[in-house]
Amino acid sequence: MWLVVGLRAAAMSMRPMPWPEVPEQTRVVARAAFPSGSLPMRLRDELGPVFADTDFLGMFGARGRPGISPAVLMLVTILQFV
């Protein structure tokens, strides 16, 4: 994503990425291990699609290291609390 600043463009530090798909083999093994699901599986399935990186682009500056996905930070924070 590029932000136009005056006559020059600056790279935004937030690089939006789509929510990663769970590989099929991982999905099969996880469902075999947890037939009724588990808290982390439910959190990812239920809350993962709620936050899109593009919704947060305005909160990230144009300089510095790339920002971490707000959706990933949300899931990590919830799991740490639980």
PDB file of N, CA and C in Angstrom:
ATOM      1  N   MET A   1       0.846  -1.167   0.000  1.00  0.00           N
ATOM      2  CA  MET A   1       0.000   0.000   0.000  1.00  0.00           C
ATOM      3  C   MET A   1       0.889   1.227   0.000  1.00  0.00           C
ATOM      4  N   TRP A   2       0.560   2.178  -0.825  1.00  0.00           N
ATOM      5  CA  TRP A   2       1.339   3.410  -0.910  1.00  0.00           C
ATOM      6  C   TRP A   2       0.486   4.587  -0.505  1.00  0.00           C
ATOM      7  N   LEU A   3       1.056   5.501   0.232  1.00  0.00           N
ATOM      8  CA  LEU A   3       0.382   6.709   0.658  1.00  0.00           C
ATOM      9  C   LEU A   3       1.073   7.866  -0.038  1.00  0.00           C
ATOM     10  N   VAL A   4       0.320   8.689  -0.738  1.00  0.00           N
ATOM     11  CA  VAL A   4       0.917   9.824  -1.440  1.00  0.00           C
ATOM     12  C   VAL A   4       1.062  10.971  -0.454  1.00  0.00           C
ATOM     13  N   VAL A   5       2.292  11.435  -0.272  1.00  0.00           N
ATOM     14  CA  VAL A   5       2.595  12.536   0.630  1.00  0.00           C
ATOM     15  C   VAL A   5       3.201  13.639  -0.216  1.00  0.00           C
ATOM     16  N   GLY A   6       2.431  14.695  -0.444  1.00  0.00           N
ATOM     17  CA  GLY A   6       2.906  15.761  -1.310  1.00  0.00           C
ATOM     18  C   GLY A   6       3.100  15.212  -2.716  1.00  0.00           C
ATOM     19  N   LEU A   7       4.302  15.365  -3.257  1.00  0.00           N
ATOM     20  CA  LEU A   7       4.592  14.876  -4.599  1.00  0.00           C
ATOM     21  C   LEU A   7       5.313  13.538  -4.580  1.00  0.00           C
ATOM     22  N   ARG A   8       5.539  12.988  -3.409  1.00  0.00           N
ATOM     23  CA  ARG A   8       6.239  11.716  -3.343  1.00  0.00           C
ATOM     24  C   ARG A   8       5.363  10.677  -2.637  1.00  0.00           C
ATOM     25  N   ALA A   9       5.645   9.444  -2.872  1.00  0.00           N
ATOM     26  CA  ALA A   9       4.888   8.358  -2.249  1.00  0.00           C
ATOM     27  C   ALA A   9       5.743   7.704  -1.178  1.00  0.00           C
ATOM     28  N   ALA A  10       5.112   7.334  -0.088  1.00  0.00           N
ATOM     29  CA  ALA A  10       5.814   6.658   1.003  1.00  0.00           C
ATOM     30  C   ALA A  10       5.144   5.316   1.259  1.00  0.00           C
ATOM     31  N   ALA A  11       5.943   4.306   1.514  1.00  0.00           N
ATOM     32  CA  ALA A  11       5.381   2.990   1.814  1.00  0.00           C
ATOM     33  C   ALA A  11       4.759   3.020   3.200  1.00  0.00           C
ATOM     34  N   MET A  12       3.551   2.497   3.315  1.00  0.00           N
ATOM     35  CA  MET A  12       2.895   2.446   4.618  1.00  0.00           C
ATOM     36  C   MET A  12       3.504   1.306   5.423  1.00  0.00           C
ATOM     37  N   SER A  13       3.564   1.476   6.726  1.00  0.00           N
ATOM     38  CA  SER A  13       4.149   0.418   7.543  1.00  0.00           C
ATOM     39  C   SER A  13       3.179  -0.748   7.746  1.00  0.00           C
ATOM     40  N   MET A  14       1.902  -0.557   7.467  1.00  0.00           N
ATOM     41  CA  MET A  14       0.941  -1.667   7.551  1.00  0.00           C
ATOM     42  C   MET A  14       0.824  -2.288   6.181  1.00  0.00           C
ATOM     43  N   ARG A  15       1.128  -3.552   6.104  1.00  0.00           N
ATOM     44  CA  ARG A  15       1.024  -4.262   4.836  1.00  0.00           C
ATOM     45  C   ARG A  15      -0.138  -5.245   4.958  1.00  0.00           C
ATOM     46  N   PRO A  16      -1.322  -4.839   4.456  1.00  0.00           N
ATOM     47  CA  PRO A  16      -2.492  -5.697   4.624  1.00  0.00           C
ATOM     48  C   PRO A  16      -2.312  -7.055   3.964  1.00  0.00           C
ATOM     49  N   MET A  17      -2.718  -8.079   4.686  1.00  0.00           N
ATOM     50  CA  MET A  17      -2.625  -9.437   4.176  1.00  0.00           C
ATOM     51  C   MET A  17      -3.949 -10.141   4.432  1.00  0.00           C
ATOM     52  N   PRO A  18      -4.346 -11.030   3.548  1.00  0.00           N
ATOM     53  CA  PRO A  18      -5.576 -11.790   3.810  1.00  0.00           C
ATOM     54  C   PRO A  18      -5.362 -12.763   4.956  1.00  0.00           C
ATOM     55  N   TRP A  19      -6.450 -13.130   5.620  1.00  0.00           N
ATOM     56  CA  TRP A  19      -6.367 -14.091   6.712  1.00  0.00           C
ATOM     57  C   TRP A  19      -5.856 -15.408   6.136  1.00  0.00           C
ATOM     58  N   PRO A  20      -4.786 -15.978   6.702  1.00  0.00           N
ATOM     59  CA  PRO A  20      -4.211 -17.198   6.110  1.00  0.00           C
ATOM     60  C   PRO A  20      -5.156 -18.391   6.230  1.00  0.00           C
ATOM     61  N   GLU A  21      -5.189 -19.183   5.195  1.00  0.00           N
ATOM     62  CA  GLU A  21      -5.993 -20.399   5.194  1.00  0.00           C
ATOM     63  C   GLU A  21      -5.265 -21.485   5.981  1.00  0.00           C
ATOM     64  N   VAL A  22      -6.028 -22.303   6.670  1.00  0.00           N
ATOM     65  CA  VAL A  22      -5.453 -23.438   7.389  1.00  0.00           C
ATOM     66  C   VAL A  22      -5.215 -24.545   6.372  1.00  0.00           C
ATOM     67  N   PRO A  23      -3.986 -25.077   6.302  1.00  0.00           N
ATOM     68  CA  PRO A  23      -3.721 -26.166   5.354  1.00  0.00           C
ATOM     69  C   PRO A  23      -4.656 -27.351   5.618  1.00  0.00           C
ATOM     70  N   GLU A  24      -5.043 -28.044   4.570  1.00  0.00           N
ATOM     71  CA  GLU A  24      -6.011 -29.136   4.679  1.00  0.00           C
ATOM     72  C   GLU A  24      -5.542 -30.221   5.642  1.00  0.00           C
ATOM     73  N   GLN A  25      -4.278 -30.601   5.573  1.00  0.00           N
ATOM     74  CA  GLN A  25      -3.770 -31.649   6.465  1.00  0.00           C
ATOM     75  C   GLN A  25      -3.840 -31.194   7.923  1.00  0.00           C
ATOM     76  N   THR A  26      -3.539 -29.935   8.188  1.00  0.00           N
ATOM     77  CA  THR A  26      -3.638 -29.396   9.544  1.00  0.00           C
ATOM     78  C   THR A  26      -5.080 -29.435  10.023  1.00  0.00           C
ATOM     79  N   ARG A  27      -6.004 -29.076   9.145  1.00  0.00           N
ATOM     80  CA  ARG A  27      -7.427 -29.096   9.481  1.00  0.00           C
ATOM     81  C   ARG A  27      -7.885 -30.518   9.846  1.00  0.00           C
ATOM     82  N   VAL A  28      -7.459 -31.505   9.054  1.00  0.00           N
ATOM     83  CA  VAL A  28      -7.842 -32.902   9.295  1.00  0.00           C
ATOM     84  C   VAL A  28      -7.291 -33.388  10.636  1.00  0.00           C
ATOM     85  N   VAL A  29      -6.019 -33.102  10.910  1.00  0.00           N
ATOM     86  CA  VAL A  29      -5.395 -33.540  12.158  1.00  0.00           C
ATOM     87  C   VAL A  29      -6.052 -32.844  13.352  1.00  0.00           C
ATOM     88  N   ALA A  30      -6.312 -31.547  13.234  1.00  0.00           N
ATOM     89  CA  ALA A  30      -6.934 -30.803  14.337  1.00  0.00           C
ATOM     90  C   ALA A  30      -8.337 -31.331  14.632  1.00  0.00           C
ATOM     91  N   ARG A  31      -9.111 -31.630  13.595  1.00  0.00           N
ATOM     92  CA  ARG A  31     -10.466 -32.165  13.802  1.00  0.00           C
ATOM     93  C   ARG A  31     -10.422 -33.584  14.379  1.00  0.00           C
ATOM     94  N   ALA A  32      -9.391 -34.360  14.022  1.00  0.00           N
ATOM     95  CA  ALA A  32      -9.246 -35.695  14.590  1.00  0.00           C
ATOM     96  C   ALA A  32      -8.870 -35.604  16.072  1.00  0.00           C
ATOM     97  N   ALA A  33      -8.023 -34.657  16.428  1.00  0.00           N
ATOM     98  CA  ALA A  33      -7.590 -34.493  17.808  1.00  0.00           C
ATOM     99  C   ALA A  33      -8.676 -33.852  18.674  1.00  0.00           C
ATOM    100  N   PHE A  34      -9.444 -32.936  18.083  1.00  0.00           N
ATOM    101  CA  PHE A  34     -10.493 -32.214  18.805  1.00  0.00           C
ATOM    102  C   PHE A  34     -11.787 -32.276  18.002  1.00  0.00           C
ATOM    103  N   PRO A  35     -12.515 -33.401  18.041  1.00  0.00           N
ATOM    104  CA  PRO A  35     -13.724 -33.554  17.220  1.00  0.00           C
ATOM    105  C   PRO A  35     -14.765 -32.461  17.455  1.00  0.00           C
ATOM    106  N   SER A  36     -14.878 -31.988  18.694  1.00  0.00           N
ATOM    107  CA  SER A  36     -15.861 -30.936  18.961  1.00  0.00           C
ATOM    108  C   SER A  36     -15.228 -29.548  18.941  1.00  0.00           C
ATOM    109  N   GLY A  37     -13.990 -29.468  18.502  1.00  0.00           N
ATOM    110  CA  GLY A  37     -13.295 -28.185  18.426  1.00  0.00           C
ATOM    111  C   GLY A  37     -12.609 -27.842  19.738  1.00  0.00           C
ATOM    112  N   SER A  38     -11.880 -26.756  19.731  1.00  0.00           N
ATOM    113  CA  SER A  38     -11.205 -26.255  20.922  1.00  0.00           C
ATOM    114  C   SER A  38     -11.339 -24.741  20.927  1.00  0.00           C
ATOM    115  N   LEU A  39     -11.003 -24.123  22.031  1.00  0.00           N
ATOM    116  CA  LEU A  39     -11.128 -22.669  22.127  1.00  0.00           C
ATOM    117  C   LEU A  39     -10.320 -21.942  21.046  1.00  0.00           C
ATOM    118  N   PRO A  40      -9.027 -22.267  20.855  1.00  0.00           N
ATOM    119  CA  PRO A  40      -8.288 -21.567  19.796  1.00  0.00           C
ATOM    120  C   PRO A  40      -8.892 -21.774  18.402  1.00  0.00           C
ATOM    121  N   MET A  41      -9.403 -22.967  18.138  1.00  0.00           N
ATOM    122  CA  MET A  41     -10.014 -23.227  16.828  1.00  0.00           C
ATOM    123  C   MET A  41     -11.274 -22.380  16.655  1.00  0.00           C
ATOM    124  N   ARG A  42     -12.096 -22.316  17.713  1.00  0.00           N
ATOM    125  CA  ARG A  42     -13.319 -21.522  17.634  1.00  0.00           C
ATOM    126  C   ARG A  42     -13.006 -20.035  17.507  1.00  0.00           C
ATOM    127  N   LEU A  43     -12.007 -19.559  18.248  1.00  0.00           N
ATOM    128  CA  LEU A  43     -11.637 -18.148  18.157  1.00  0.00           C
ATOM    129  C   LEU A  43     -11.212 -17.778  16.748  1.00  0.00           C
ATOM    130  N   ARG A  44     -10.383 -18.610  16.158  1.00  0.00           N
ATOM    131  CA  ARG A  44      -9.927 -18.325  14.795  1.00  0.00           C
ATOM    132  C   ARG A  44     -11.087 -18.332  13.814  1.00  0.00           C
ATOM    133  N   ASP A  45     -11.976 -19.319  13.945  1.00  0.00           N
ATOM    134  CA  ASP A  45     -13.110 -19.430  13.025  1.00  0.00           C
ATOM    135  C   ASP A  45     -14.124 -18.304  13.221  1.00  0.00           C
ATOM    136  N   GLU A  46     -14.387 -17.935  14.476  1.00  0.00           N
ATOM    137  CA  GLU A  46     -15.418 -16.942  14.757  1.00  0.00           C
ATOM    138  C   GLU A  46     -14.912 -15.505  14.657  1.00  0.00           C
ATOM    139  N   LEU A  47     -13.731 -15.241  15.213  1.00  0.00           N
ATOM    140  CA  LEU A  47     -13.244 -13.864  15.282  1.00  0.00           C
ATOM    141  C   LEU A  47     -12.267 -13.496  14.180  1.00  0.00           C
ATOM    142  N   GLY A  48     -11.658 -14.484  13.549  1.00  0.00           N
ATOM    143  CA  GLY A  48     -10.682 -14.198  12.493  1.00  0.00           C
ATOM    144  C   GLY A  48     -11.198 -13.273  11.411  1.00  0.00           C
ATOM    145  N   PRO A  49     -12.387 -13.545  10.866  1.00  0.00           N
ATOM    146  CA  PRO A  49     -12.889 -12.694   9.781  1.00  0.00           C
ATOM    147  C   PRO A  49     -13.430 -11.336  10.226  1.00  0.00           C
ATOM    148  N   VAL A  50     -13.546 -11.107  11.538  1.00  0.00           N
ATOM    149  CA  VAL A  50     -14.141  -9.856  12.024  1.00  0.00           C
ATOM    150  C   VAL A  50     -13.276  -8.648  11.683  1.00  0.00           C
ATOM    151  N   PHE A  51     -11.973  -8.784  11.865  1.00  0.00           N
ATOM    152  CA  PHE A  51     -11.066  -7.660  11.632  1.00  0.00           C
ATOM    153  C   PHE A  51     -10.282  -7.859  10.346  1.00  0.00           C
ATOM    154  N   ALA A  52     -10.440  -6.953   9.409  1.00  0.00           N
ATOM    155  CA  ALA A  52      -9.651  -6.975   8.169  1.00  0.00           C
ATOM    156  C   ALA A  52      -8.532  -5.946   8.303  1.00  0.00           C
ATOM    157  N   ASP A  53      -7.345  -6.290   7.851  1.00  0.00           N
ATOM    158  CA  ASP A  53      -6.210  -5.374   7.944  1.00  0.00           C
ATOM    159  C   ASP A  53      -6.516  -4.032   7.290  1.00  0.00           C
ATOM    160  N   THR A  54      -7.274  -4.044   6.213  1.00  0.00           N
ATOM    161  CA  THR A  54      -7.560  -2.799   5.499  1.00  0.00           C
ATOM    162  C   THR A  54      -8.380  -1.827   6.339  1.00  0.00           C
ATOM    163  N   ASP A  55      -9.099  -2.319   7.350  1.00  0.00           N
ATOM    164  CA  ASP A  55      -9.871  -1.438   8.232  1.00  0.00           C
ATOM    165  C   ASP A  55      -8.972  -0.593   9.127  1.00  0.00           C
ATOM    166  N   PHE A  56      -7.698  -0.962   9.254  1.00  0.00           N
ATOM    167  CA  PHE A  56      -6.797  -0.309  10.194  1.00  0.00           C
ATOM    168  C   PHE A  56      -5.662   0.461   9.522  1.00  0.00           C
ATOM    169  N   LEU A  57      -5.702   0.607   8.219  1.00  0.00           N
ATOM    170  CA  LEU A  57      -4.589   1.258   7.514  1.00  0.00           C
ATOM    171  C   LEU A  57      -4.325   2.672   8.002  1.00  0.00           C
ATOM    172  N   GLY A  58      -5.371   3.408   8.354  1.00  0.00           N
ATOM    173  CA  GLY A  58      -5.199   4.784   8.796  1.00  0.00           C
ATOM    174  C   GLY A  58      -4.482   4.916  10.131  1.00  0.00           C
ATOM    175  N   MET A  59      -4.346   3.839  10.875  1.00  0.00           N
ATOM    176  CA  MET A  59      -3.709   3.880  12.188  1.00  0.00           C
ATOM    177  C   MET A  59      -2.208   3.638  12.125  1.00  0.00           C
ATOM    178  N   PHE A  60      -1.682   3.345  10.954  1.00  0.00           N
ATOM    179  CA  PHE A  60      -0.266   3.029  10.817  1.00  0.00           C
ATOM    180  C   PHE A  60       0.450   4.134  10.062  1.00  0.00           C
ATOM    181  N   GLY A  61       1.646   4.431  10.521  1.00  0.00           N
ATOM    182  CA  GLY A  61       2.431   5.481   9.898  1.00  0.00           C
ATOM    183  C   GLY A  61       3.028   5.055   8.572  1.00  0.00           C
ATOM    184  N   ALA A  62       3.747   5.977   7.974  1.00  0.00           N
ATOM    185  CA  ALA A  62       4.350   5.719   6.671  1.00  0.00           C
ATOM    186  C   ALA A  62       5.812   5.295   6.800  1.00  0.00           C
ATOM    187  N   ARG A  63       6.334   5.264   8.012  1.00  0.00           N
ATOM    188  CA  ARG A  63       7.739   4.903   8.196  1.00  0.00           C
ATOM    189  C   ARG A  63       7.847   3.821   9.252  1.00  0.00           C
ATOM    190  N   GLY A  64       8.989   3.218   9.313  1.00  0.00           N
ATOM    191  CA  GLY A  64       9.245   2.230  10.358  1.00  0.00           C
ATOM    192  C   GLY A  64       9.040   0.805   9.885  1.00  0.00           C
ATOM    193  N   ARG A  65       9.193  -0.098  10.843  1.00  0.00           N
ATOM    194  CA  ARG A  65       9.019  -1.519  10.546  1.00  0.00           C
ATOM    195  C   ARG A  65       7.571  -1.802  10.194  1.00  0.00           C
ATOM    196  N   PRO A  66       7.333  -2.840   9.411  1.00  0.00           N
ATOM    197  CA  PRO A  66       5.954  -3.194   9.079  1.00  0.00           C
ATOM    198  C   PRO A  66       5.157  -3.519  10.338  1.00  0.00           C
ATOM    199  N   GLY A  67       3.924  -3.041  10.371  1.00  0.00           N
ATOM    200  CA  GLY A  67       3.047  -3.308  11.501  1.00  0.00           C
ATOM    201  C   GLY A  67       2.570  -4.759  11.504  1.00  0.00           C
ATOM    202  N   ILE A  68       2.221  -5.245  12.674  1.00  0.00           N
ATOM    203  CA  ILE A  68       1.677  -6.599  12.802  1.00  0.00           C
ATOM    204  C   ILE A  68       0.176  -6.520  12.590  1.00  0.00           C
ATOM    205  N   SER A  69      -0.375  -7.525  11.964  1.00  0.00           N
ATOM    206  CA  SER A  69      -1.797  -7.562  11.667  1.00  0.00           C
ATOM    207  C   SER A  69      -2.635  -7.373  12.924  1.00  0.00           C
ATOM    208  N   PRO A  70      -3.589  -6.431  12.924  1.00  0.00           N
ATOM    209  CA  PRO A  70      -4.471  -6.241  14.082  1.00  0.00           C
ATOM    210  C   PRO A  70      -5.261  -7.509  14.421  1.00  0.00           C
ATOM    211  N   ALA A  71      -5.641  -8.283  13.429  1.00  0.00           N
ATOM    212  CA  ALA A  71      -6.388  -9.516  13.686  1.00  0.00           C
ATOM    213  C   ALA A  71      -5.524 -10.522  14.442  1.00  0.00           C
ATOM    214  N   VAL A  72      -4.266 -10.636  14.066  1.00  0.00           N
ATOM    215  CA  VAL A  72      -3.347 -11.552  14.755  1.00  0.00           C
ATOM    216  C   VAL A  72      -3.116 -11.076  16.184  1.00  0.00           C
ATOM    217  N   LEU A  73      -2.921  -9.778  16.361  1.00  0.00           N
ATOM    218  CA  LEU A  73      -2.719  -9.231  17.704  1.00  0.00           C
ATOM    219  C   LEU A  73      -3.944  -9.467  18.582  1.00  0.00           C
ATOM    220  N   MET A  74      -5.129  -9.334  18.008  1.00  0.00           N
ATOM    221  CA  MET A  74      -6.362  -9.563  18.753  1.00  0.00           C
ATOM    222  C   MET A  74      -6.438 -11.008  19.236  1.00  0.00           C
ATOM    223  N   LEU A  75      -6.163 -11.967  18.360  1.00  0.00           N
ATOM    224  CA  LEU A  75      -6.224 -13.374  18.754  1.00  0.00           C
ATOM    225  C   LEU A  75      -5.168 -13.721  19.801  1.00  0.00           C
ATOM    226  N   VAL A  76      -3.975 -13.198  19.642  1.00  0.00           N
ATOM    227  CA  VAL A  76      -2.911 -13.463  20.609  1.00  0.00           C
ATOM    228  C   VAL A  76      -3.289 -12.888  21.971  1.00  0.00           C
ATOM    229  N   THR A  77      -3.836 -11.691  21.993  1.00  0.00           N
ATOM    230  CA  THR A  77      -4.231 -11.060  23.252  1.00  0.00           C
ATOM    231  C   THR A  77      -5.316 -11.871  23.950  1.00  0.00           C
ATOM    232  N   ILE A  78      -6.306 -12.315  23.210  1.00  0.00           N
ATOM    233  CA  ILE A  78      -7.387 -13.114  23.795  1.00  0.00           C
ATOM    234  C   ILE A  78      -6.843 -14.432  24.339  1.00  0.00           C
ATOM    235  N   LEU A  79      -6.008 -15.105  23.569  1.00  0.00           N
ATOM    236  CA  LEU A  79      -5.453 -16.376  24.022  1.00  0.00           C
ATOM    237  C   LEU A  79      -4.573 -16.209  25.260  1.00  0.00           C
ATOM    238  N   GLN A  80      -3.827 -15.115  25.336  1.00  0.00           N
ATOM    239  CA  GLN A  80      -3.022 -14.866  26.527  1.00  0.00           C
ATOM    240  C   GLN A  80      -3.906 -14.638  27.747  1.00  0.00           C
ATOM    241  N   PHE A  81      -5.012 -13.927  27.558  1.00  0.00           N
ATOM    242  CA  PHE A  81      -5.921 -13.673  28.665  1.00  0.00           C
ATOM    243  C   PHE A  81      -6.556 -14.968  29.160  1.00  0.00           C
ATOM    244  N   VAL A  82      -6.970 -15.815  28.211  1.00  0.00           N
ATOM    245  CA  VAL A  82      -7.609 -17.081  28.570  1.00  0.00           C
ATOM    246  C   VAL A  82      -6.591 -17.993  29.213  1.00  0.00           C
TER     247      VAL A  82
END
